[in-house]
Amino acid sequence: MNFLKKNAGKILIFILSLIPIIFWATTYDLQTKFNTISSTFISLTQLSGLVGFVLFAVNIIIGMRSKILEKFFNSIPDIYKLHRFLGISSFVLLSLHPLFIIINYLSFSIKFAVDYIFSFTDLSLSLGKISLIAMFFIILTTIFLKIKYDTWKIIHKILSFSFFIGFFHVLVVNSTVSRNMGLRYYLLFLGTITASLAIYKIIFNINLAKIYKYLVVNIKFINNNSMEIELSPIDKKIYFKPGQFVFIKINQEKLDEEHPFSISSGVNEKNLKITVKNLGDYTLDLRNKLKMNSIVSIDGPYGDFYTDNKKDKIFIAGGIGITPFLSILKAERTKNNITLFFCAKDKSESELINDIKQTQDIHPNLNIIEIYSSIRDRISIKDIKSVPNFENSDIFICASSVMMNDIKNQLINNGFDKKNIYFEDFSFKK
């Protein structure tokens, strides 16, 4: 049951990809589809095109962030990883689609193959080629080039237009799709939903989520690298659980990119707070250019990082990874022991935990251990095992992917149950 719940989204994608294969298999006698070399390449052409189109459509849909999708795919970071995987997979399959045609033509004549590649007289075939060429440059750009967020958004809009062209190609080309009505209606249904959602996002420039409007009411510089931004609701207040994050978009020039940040305020506070560290161009601009009273659009909340199983807890924070624990400890009222490991490069980042130290009045069972790599070795299993009752504790880790994987592997190698390890990967929040 846990497997089905954890992999519900992936199972759904598999089923959606399997449906056109079933329709295709029932169009003609299956044996005739692979009884010659030529028919085999034609079959591979059709299969790669059908599955590639479905994955292309699904990838556009999951790229439209929503809480419903988060439930199906576990978390936003997981969706981002799957989004990248599906993008590459659909591109590979759609590239194989014409490649199998070319190989089949080569078995008859080089001229046939050359004519197919360079001829654009057939509208239906030309649409497929144009769609694939556009997708080719988009995929290569996003994989191999470091691009700014605004450019990334434009590229993804172009990707939607590539889908529109490819969708039209699917509907008008003389193929199995035109001869099997079940397959045709299925692809028409999936393609129409995908195209409608893509057009909605292009026109309104928003995802499938409710947007809250807030106002910047306070800017607090914690140290040379970090700041706290306090936001007051203009209309409705956003409700969240401890440890969740939001996407914010500030109505200011150079700051109107959408970025995710963990919430550092408590659930009972009227205003919303986020803590930001300089991790890239955007966060540096945020520190230098953010103005009071700027309007902020908030999408969220997202994430399911924290759960209270009424057990002792070990919190491990890497630098700015302390943020969700700020929110958790402001809301947490537990009789269980809590041990917080704050791991950073040096003591200049110690001010990040000042707010947490102030919560010790309401958390007499909170023990804070500071680890600075400039002074001593990084955190290890030895440190974690020194915590009383560690083997029966829940462990929550928010840090870079490298640090989290290292700690997770050390814990598992020492027999710790991975079901009791919880992660919040902030590496995608840069």
Protein backbone atom coordinates (compact mmCIF):
# COMPACT_ATOMS: atom_id res chain seq x y z
CA MET A 1 0.00 0.00 0.00
CA ASN A 2 2.81 2.39 0.86
CA PHE A 3 4.46 1.53 -2.47
CA LEU A 4 1.29 2.43 -4.38
CA LYS A 5 0.87 5.69 -2.46
CA LYS A 6 4.51 6.68 -2.90
CA ASN A 7 4.57 5.84 -6.62
CA ALA A 8 0.99 6.78 -7.58
CA GLY A 9 2.11 9.47 -10.03
CA LYS A 10 4.67 7.27 -11.76
CA ILE A 11 2.17 4.40 -12.03
CA LEU A 12 -0.34 6.79 -13.61
CA ILE A 13 2.24 7.93 -16.17
CA PHE A 14 3.01 4.29 -16.97
CA ILE A 15 -0.70 3.57 -17.55
CA LEU A 16 -1.11 6.67 -19.72
CA SER A 17 1.87 5.52 -21.81
CA LEU A 18 0.56 1.95 -22.02
CA ILE A 19 -2.90 2.89 -23.34
CA PRO A 20 -1.74 3.98 -26.83
CA ILE A 21 0.37 0.83 -27.10
CA ILE A 22 -2.73 -1.30 -26.42
CA PHE A 23 -4.76 0.61 -29.03
CA TRP A 24 -1.88 0.30 -31.51
CA ALA A 25 -1.55 -3.45 -30.92
CA THR A 26 -5.24 -3.97 -31.74
CA THR A 27 -5.19 -2.05 -35.03
CA TYR A 28 -3.89 -4.92 -37.16
CA ASP A 29 -2.68 -8.45 -36.59
CA LEU A 30 0.23 -8.12 -34.18
CA GLN A 31 2.29 -10.75 -36.01
CA THR A 32 2.30 -8.71 -39.22
CA LYS A 33 3.82 -5.77 -37.36
CA PHE A 34 7.14 -7.56 -36.91
CA ASN A 35 7.23 -10.21 -39.68
CA THR A 36 9.74 -8.30 -41.84
CA ILE A 37 12.59 -5.87 -41.20
CA SER A 38 10.63 -3.06 -42.83
CA SER A 39 7.46 -3.70 -40.81
CA THR A 40 9.54 -3.89 -37.64
CA PHE A 41 11.03 -0.44 -38.25
CA ILE A 42 7.59 0.95 -39.10
CA SER A 43 6.24 -0.49 -35.84
CA LEU A 44 9.13 0.97 -33.85
CA THR A 45 8.50 4.31 -35.58
CA GLN A 46 4.88 4.29 -34.50
CA LEU A 47 5.52 3.12 -30.93
CA SER A 48 8.28 5.64 -30.25
CA GLY A 49 6.11 8.44 -31.63
CA LEU A 50 3.02 7.46 -29.62
CA VAL A 51 4.77 6.99 -26.27
CA GLY A 52 7.01 10.01 -26.88
CA PHE A 53 3.95 12.20 -27.51
CA VAL A 54 2.22 10.98 -24.32
CA LEU A 55 5.33 11.66 -22.22
CA PHE A 56 5.70 15.10 -23.85
CA ALA A 57 2.09 15.92 -22.91
CA VAL A 58 2.43 14.59 -19.36
CA ASN A 59 5.65 16.54 -18.89
CA ILE A 60 3.93 19.81 -19.76
CA ILE A 61 1.09 19.02 -17.33
CA ILE A 62 3.35 18.20 -14.36
CA GLY A 63 5.31 21.36 -15.13
CA MET A 64 2.20 23.30 -14.09
CA ARG A 65 2.74 23.32 -10.36
CA SER A 66 -0.26 22.41 -8.19
CA LYS A 67 -1.01 20.82 -4.81
CA ILE A 68 -2.87 17.99 -6.53
CA LEU A 69 0.27 17.04 -8.45
CA GLU A 70 2.34 17.30 -5.28
CA LYS A 71 0.14 14.65 -3.65
CA PHE A 72 0.60 12.32 -6.62
CA PHE A 73 4.36 12.80 -6.88
CA ASN A 74 5.33 13.20 -3.17
CA SER A 75 7.04 16.61 -3.35
CA ILE A 76 7.86 19.55 -5.59
CA PRO A 77 11.59 18.61 -5.77
CA ASP A 78 10.53 15.10 -6.88
CA ILE A 79 8.30 16.65 -9.54
CA TYR A 80 11.20 18.79 -10.79
CA LYS A 81 13.43 15.72 -11.07
CA LEU A 82 10.70 13.76 -12.86
CA HIS A 83 10.03 16.76 -15.12
CA ARG A 84 13.65 16.70 -16.26
CA PHE A 85 13.63 12.92 -16.74
CA LEU A 86 10.41 12.96 -18.76
CA GLY A 87 11.70 15.82 -20.88
CA ILE A 88 14.78 13.86 -21.86
CA SER A 89 12.85 10.60 -22.28
CA SER A 90 10.20 12.12 -24.53
CA PHE A 91 12.89 13.84 -26.58
CA VAL A 92 14.79 10.56 -27.07
CA LEU A 93 11.64 8.69 -28.11
CA LEU A 94 10.49 11.45 -30.46
CA SER A 95 13.99 11.56 -31.97
CA LEU A 96 13.87 7.80 -32.57
CA HIS A 97 10.52 8.27 -34.33
CA PRO A 98 11.99 9.80 -37.54
CA LEU A 99 15.28 7.91 -37.12
CA PHE A 100 13.49 4.57 -37.55
CA ILE A 101 11.80 5.96 -40.68
CA ILE A 102 15.17 6.99 -42.09
CA ILE A 103 16.70 3.57 -41.34
CA ASN A 104 13.74 1.89 -43.03
CA TYR A 105 14.10 4.11 -46.13
CA LEU A 106 17.84 3.38 -46.26
CA SER A 107 17.03 -0.32 -46.67
CA PHE A 108 15.38 0.64 -49.98
CA SER A 109 17.35 3.63 -51.22
CA ILE A 110 19.62 6.38 -49.93
CA LYS A 111 17.60 8.80 -52.09
CA PHE A 112 14.41 7.92 -50.21
CA ALA A 113 16.11 8.69 -46.91
CA VAL A 114 17.62 11.98 -48.13
CA ASP A 115 14.30 13.11 -49.61
CA TYR A 116 12.53 12.37 -46.34
CA ILE A 117 15.07 14.35 -44.31
CA PHE A 118 15.21 17.49 -46.46
CA SER A 119 11.76 17.59 -48.04
CA PHE A 120 9.18 19.92 -46.48
CA THR A 121 6.48 19.65 -49.15
CA ASP A 122 4.21 17.41 -47.05
CA LEU A 123 2.59 19.65 -44.41
CA SER A 124 1.82 16.88 -41.92
CA LEU A 125 5.38 15.52 -42.00
CA SER A 126 6.88 19.03 -41.97
CA LEU A 127 5.00 19.88 -38.78
CA GLY A 128 6.53 16.87 -37.06
CA LYS A 129 10.03 17.86 -38.18
CA ILE A 130 9.61 21.48 -37.07
CA SER A 131 8.30 20.37 -33.68
CA LEU A 132 11.24 18.01 -33.15
CA ILE A 133 13.85 20.58 -34.27
CA ALA A 134 12.43 23.14 -31.83
CA MET A 135 12.39 20.56 -29.04
CA PHE A 136 15.98 19.57 -29.88
CA PHE A 137 17.35 23.09 -29.37
CA ILE A 138 15.25 23.65 -26.23
CA ILE A 139 16.41 20.43 -24.56
CA LEU A 140 20.06 21.06 -25.39
CA THR A 141 19.82 24.64 -24.11
CA THR A 142 18.30 23.66 -20.77
CA ILE A 143 20.71 20.75 -20.21
CA PHE A 144 24.06 22.23 -21.22
CA LEU A 145 23.73 26.00 -20.76
CA LYS A 146 23.37 28.00 -17.57
CA ILE A 147 20.53 30.37 -18.34
CA LYS A 148 18.71 33.06 -16.38
CA TYR A 149 15.23 32.42 -15.04
CA ASP A 150 13.50 34.83 -17.45
CA THR A 151 15.18 33.10 -20.39
CA TRP A 152 14.21 29.72 -18.94
CA LYS A 153 10.54 30.80 -18.82
CA ILE A 154 10.62 31.96 -22.45
CA ILE A 155 12.21 28.67 -23.52
CA HIS A 156 9.47 26.69 -21.77
CA LYS A 157 6.82 28.74 -23.55
CA ILE A 158 8.50 27.89 -26.85
CA LEU A 159 8.39 24.24 -25.76
CA SER A 160 4.60 24.57 -25.47
CA PHE A 161 4.43 25.86 -29.05
CA SER A 162 6.55 22.90 -30.08
CA PHE A 163 3.91 20.67 -28.50
CA PHE A 164 1.08 22.48 -30.34
CA ILE A 165 2.82 21.83 -33.66
CA GLY A 166 3.54 18.21 -32.76
CA PHE A 167 -0.08 17.71 -31.64
CA PHE A 168 -1.35 18.97 -34.99
CA HIS A 169 1.10 16.62 -36.71
CA VAL A 170 -0.35 13.67 -34.77
CA LEU A 171 -3.89 14.56 -35.84
CA VAL A 172 -3.30 15.16 -39.56
CA VAL A 173 -0.58 12.64 -40.50
CA ASN A 174 -1.69 9.49 -42.29
CA SER A 175 -0.89 6.85 -39.67
CA THR A 176 -2.35 4.38 -37.19
CA VAL A 177 -3.85 7.36 -35.35
CA SER A 178 -6.02 8.19 -38.35
CA ARG A 179 -7.20 4.57 -38.68
CA ASN A 180 -7.85 3.63 -35.03
CA MET A 181 -10.63 5.82 -33.61
CA GLY A 182 -10.00 4.72 -30.01
CA LEU A 183 -6.36 5.75 -30.28
CA ARG A 184 -7.28 8.97 -32.08
CA TYR A 185 -9.81 10.03 -29.45
CA TYR A 186 -7.42 9.17 -26.63
CA LEU A 187 -4.59 11.30 -28.06
CA LEU A 188 -7.09 14.05 -28.96
CA PHE A 189 -8.35 14.08 -25.35
CA LEU A 190 -4.86 14.10 -23.80
CA GLY A 191 -3.52 16.63 -26.30
CA THR A 192 -6.47 19.00 -25.87
CA ILE A 193 -6.16 19.02 -22.07
CA THR A 194 -2.41 19.62 -22.30
CA ALA A 195 -2.77 22.37 -24.93
CA SER A 196 -5.53 24.09 -22.91
CA LEU A 197 -3.44 24.11 -19.73
CA ALA A 198 -0.39 25.36 -21.63
CA ILE A 199 -2.39 28.19 -23.25
CA TYR A 200 -3.83 29.10 -19.84
CA LYS A 201 -0.34 29.39 -18.38
CA ILE A 202 1.02 31.36 -21.35
CA ILE A 203 -1.85 33.89 -21.28
CA PHE A 204 -2.15 34.35 -17.53
CA ASN A 205 1.47 33.49 -16.65
CA ILE A 206 0.35 31.52 -13.56
CA ASN A 207 0.27 27.91 -12.45
CA LEU A 208 -2.71 25.87 -11.26
CA ALA A 209 -2.56 27.29 -7.76
CA LYS A 210 -4.17 29.92 -5.57
CA ILE A 211 -2.13 33.14 -5.29
CA TYR A 212 -1.98 35.18 -2.09
CA LYS A 213 -1.01 38.85 -2.05
CA TYR A 214 1.33 40.14 0.67
CA LEU A 215 3.21 43.35 1.44
CA VAL A 216 6.84 43.70 2.53
CA VAL A 217 6.65 45.27 6.00
CA ASN A 218 10.10 44.55 7.41
CA ILE A 219 13.57 43.67 6.13
CA LYS A 220 16.06 42.40 8.69
CA PHE A 221 19.70 41.74 7.78
CA ILE A 222 20.86 38.83 9.94
CA ASN A 223 24.49 38.86 8.77
CA ASN A 224 26.48 39.64 5.62
CA ASN A 225 24.90 36.73 3.74
CA SER A 226 21.42 36.28 5.18
CA MET A 227 18.26 38.32 5.65
CA GLU A 228 14.75 37.88 7.00
CA ILE A 229 11.79 39.26 5.06
CA GLU A 230 8.51 39.84 6.89
CA LEU A 231 5.33 39.94 4.83
CA SER A 232 1.86 41.11 5.84
CA PRO A 233 -1.29 39.79 4.10
CA ILE A 234 -3.13 42.31 1.93
CA ASP A 235 -6.29 40.23 1.86
CA LYS A 236 -6.45 36.57 2.88
CA LYS A 237 -3.75 34.98 5.01
CA ILE A 238 -2.03 31.83 3.81
CA TYR A 239 -2.32 28.82 6.11
CA PHE A 240 0.56 26.39 6.28
CA LYS A 241 2.03 23.55 8.30
CA PRO A 242 5.40 23.83 10.08
CA GLY A 243 8.27 23.09 7.72
CA GLN A 244 6.50 24.01 4.47
CA PHE A 245 7.72 26.40 1.76
CA VAL A 246 6.21 28.84 -0.73
CA PHE A 247 7.04 30.33 -4.11
CA ILE A 248 7.26 34.11 -4.05
CA LYS A 249 7.21 36.67 -6.84
CA ILE A 250 7.96 40.30 -5.99
CA ASN A 251 6.41 43.14 -7.95
CA GLN A 252 9.70 44.92 -8.50
CA GLU A 253 12.00 45.20 -11.49
CA LYS A 254 14.77 42.57 -11.38
CA LEU A 255 12.91 40.73 -8.59
CA ASP A 256 9.82 39.54 -10.46
CA GLU A 257 11.17 36.01 -10.90
CA GLU A 258 9.37 33.26 -9.03
CA HIS A 259 11.51 31.47 -6.44
CA PRO A 260 10.86 29.00 -3.59
CA PHE A 261 11.70 29.80 0.04
CA SER A 262 11.03 27.95 3.28
CA ILE A 263 8.73 29.64 5.78
CA SER A 264 10.49 30.64 8.99
CA SER A 265 7.49 32.08 10.87
CA GLY A 266 5.26 30.14 13.22
CA VAL A 267 1.84 28.94 12.11
CA ASN A 268 0.10 31.22 14.61
CA GLU A 269 1.87 34.41 13.56
CA LYS A 270 -0.17 36.90 11.55
CA ASN A 271 2.71 37.84 9.27
CA LEU A 272 4.73 35.49 7.10
CA LYS A 273 8.51 35.37 7.37
CA ILE A 274 11.10 33.88 5.05
CA THR A 275 14.83 33.70 5.67
CA VAL A 276 17.06 34.14 2.63
CA LYS A 277 20.75 33.43 2.10
CA ASN A 278 22.84 34.70 -0.82
CA LEU A 279 23.05 31.60 -3.01
CA GLY A 280 22.92 33.15 -6.48
CA ASP A 281 22.14 36.21 -8.60
CA TYR A 282 18.51 36.45 -7.54
CA THR A 283 19.09 36.24 -3.79
CA LEU A 284 21.89 38.82 -4.10
CA ASP A 285 19.53 41.18 -5.95
CA LEU A 286 16.91 40.51 -3.29
CA ARG A 287 19.31 41.65 -0.59
CA ASN A 288 20.40 44.78 -2.44
CA LYS A 289 17.18 45.90 -4.14
CA LEU A 290 14.15 44.79 -2.13
CA LYS A 291 12.04 47.76 -1.03
CA MET A 292 9.55 48.20 1.77
CA ASN A 293 5.86 48.01 0.80
CA SER A 294 6.58 46.02 -2.34
CA ILE A 295 3.71 43.69 -3.30
CA VAL A 296 4.54 39.99 -3.18
CA SER A 297 2.59 37.17 -4.86
CA ILE A 298 2.75 33.91 -2.93
CA ASP A 299 1.98 30.46 -4.32
CA GLY A 300 1.71 27.63 -1.82
CA PRO A 301 2.21 26.25 0.67
CA TYR A 302 4.05 23.14 -0.50
CA GLY A 303 6.01 20.37 1.13
CA ASP A 304 5.39 17.62 3.65
CA PHE A 305 8.74 17.68 5.43
CA TYR A 306 7.66 17.53 9.04
CA THR A 307 5.48 15.05 10.87
CA ASP A 308 5.07 14.63 14.62
CA ASN A 309 5.10 10.92 15.53
CA LYS A 310 5.31 11.69 19.26
CA LYS A 311 8.90 10.46 19.35
CA ASP A 312 12.24 12.01 20.20
CA LYS A 313 13.53 14.05 17.30
CA ILE A 314 16.91 14.88 15.81
CA PHE A 315 17.02 17.95 13.56
CA ILE A 316 20.05 18.36 11.26
CA ALA A 317 20.34 21.72 9.50
CA GLY A 318 22.99 22.72 6.99
CA GLY A 319 23.37 26.53 7.03
CA ILE A 320 20.21 28.13 5.64
CA GLY A 321 18.61 24.69 6.02
CA ILE A 322 17.78 25.90 9.53
CA THR A 323 14.77 27.81 8.11
CA PRO A 324 12.06 25.11 8.28
CA PHE A 325 13.18 24.23 11.81
CA LEU A 326 12.54 27.83 12.85
CA SER A 327 8.91 27.39 11.84
CA ILE A 328 8.68 23.94 13.41
CA LEU A 329 10.08 24.98 16.79
CA LYS A 330 7.86 28.05 16.97
CA ALA A 331 4.86 25.77 16.62
CA GLU A 332 6.11 22.62 18.33
CA ARG A 333 4.96 21.90 21.86
CA THR A 334 6.19 18.44 22.74
CA LYS A 335 7.29 16.52 25.80
CA ASN A 336 9.74 14.55 23.68
CA ASN A 337 13.42 15.42 23.47
CA ILE A 338 14.65 17.46 20.51
CA THR A 339 18.31 17.64 19.48
CA LEU A 340 19.25 20.21 16.86
CA PHE A 341 22.53 19.97 14.98
CA PHE A 342 23.31 23.29 13.30
CA CYS A 343 26.08 22.74 10.75
CA ALA A 344 27.81 25.64 9.03
CA LYS A 345 31.19 26.74 7.71
CA ASP A 346 32.02 29.15 10.53
CA LYS A 347 30.50 31.10 13.41
CA SER A 348 29.54 34.02 11.18
CA GLU A 349 26.38 32.02 10.42
CA SER A 350 25.54 31.46 14.10
CA GLU A 351 23.11 34.37 14.08
CA LEU A 352 20.77 32.20 12.00
CA ILE A 353 19.90 30.23 15.12
CA ASN A 354 19.36 33.19 17.48
CA ASP A 355 15.58 32.89 17.07
CA ILE A 356 15.75 29.19 17.88
CA LYS A 357 17.76 29.84 21.02
CA GLN A 358 15.00 32.16 22.14
CA THR A 359 12.51 29.27 21.93
CA GLN A 360 14.42 27.30 24.57
CA ASP A 361 12.24 28.94 27.21
CA ILE A 362 9.29 26.95 25.86
CA HIS A 363 11.47 23.99 24.89
CA PRO A 364 13.42 22.94 27.99
CA ASN A 365 13.96 19.59 26.26
CA LEU A 366 15.70 21.25 23.27
CA ASN A 367 19.43 20.68 22.95
CA ILE A 368 21.35 22.72 20.36
CA ILE A 369 24.70 21.46 19.07
CA GLU A 370 26.64 23.80 16.78
CA ILE A 371 29.15 22.29 14.36
CA TYR A 372 31.44 24.57 12.34
CA SER A 373 33.63 22.90 9.72
CA SER A 374 36.29 25.63 10.07
CA ILE A 375 36.79 24.52 13.68
CA ARG A 376 36.19 20.76 13.64
CA ASP A 377 35.24 17.88 11.33
CA ARG A 378 31.84 17.86 9.69
CA ILE A 379 28.93 16.11 11.35
CA SER A 380 29.18 12.31 11.28
CA ILE A 381 27.33 9.26 12.52
CA LYS A 382 29.41 9.46 15.70
CA ASP A 383 27.81 12.81 16.57
CA ILE A 384 24.31 11.53 15.85
CA LYS A 385 24.79 8.30 17.82
CA SER A 386 25.86 10.38 20.83
CA VAL A 387 22.25 11.59 21.17
CA PRO A 388 20.38 9.64 23.87
CA ASN A 389 17.77 7.25 22.41
CA PHE A 390 18.97 8.10 18.89
CA GLU A 391 17.99 4.69 17.50
CA ASN A 392 14.32 5.32 18.38
CA SER A 393 14.22 8.92 17.16
CA ASP A 394 12.87 10.49 14.01
CA ILE A 395 15.61 12.30 12.08
CA PHE A 396 14.83 15.38 9.97
CA ILE A 397 17.51 16.73 7.62
CA CYS A 398 17.44 19.98 5.64
CA ALA A 399 20.68 20.68 3.82
CA SER A 400 22.34 20.40 0.43
CA SER A 401 21.80 17.17 -1.52
CA VAL A 402 25.42 16.13 -0.95
CA MET A 403 25.21 16.59 2.81
CA MET A 404 21.83 14.86 3.09
CA ASN A 405 22.92 11.85 1.05
CA ASP A 406 26.11 11.54 3.07
CA ILE A 407 24.24 11.56 6.39
CA LYS A 408 21.53 9.23 5.08
CA ASN A 409 24.10 6.68 3.89
CA GLN A 410 25.94 6.81 7.22
CA LEU A 411 22.68 6.24 9.10
CA ILE A 412 21.54 3.33 6.91
CA ASN A 413 24.99 1.71 6.98
CA ASN A 414 24.74 1.77 10.78
CA GLY A 415 21.39 0.00 10.77
CA PHE A 416 19.11 3.01 11.19
CA ASP A 417 15.62 2.50 9.68
CA LYS A 418 15.33 4.74 6.63
CA LYS A 419 11.58 5.07 7.26
CA ASN A 420 12.48 7.33 10.17
CA ILE A 421 14.61 9.68 8.05
CA TYR A 422 12.90 12.77 6.57
CA PHE A 423 14.40 15.14 4.02
CA GLU A 424 13.89 18.67 2.79
CA ASP A 425 16.13 19.33 -0.21
CA PHE A 426 16.69 23.08 -0.58
CA SER A 427 19.23 22.69 -3.41
CA PHE A 428 16.47 23.51 -5.94
CA LYS A 429 15.64 26.71 -4.05
CA LYS A 430 18.66 28.66 -5.26
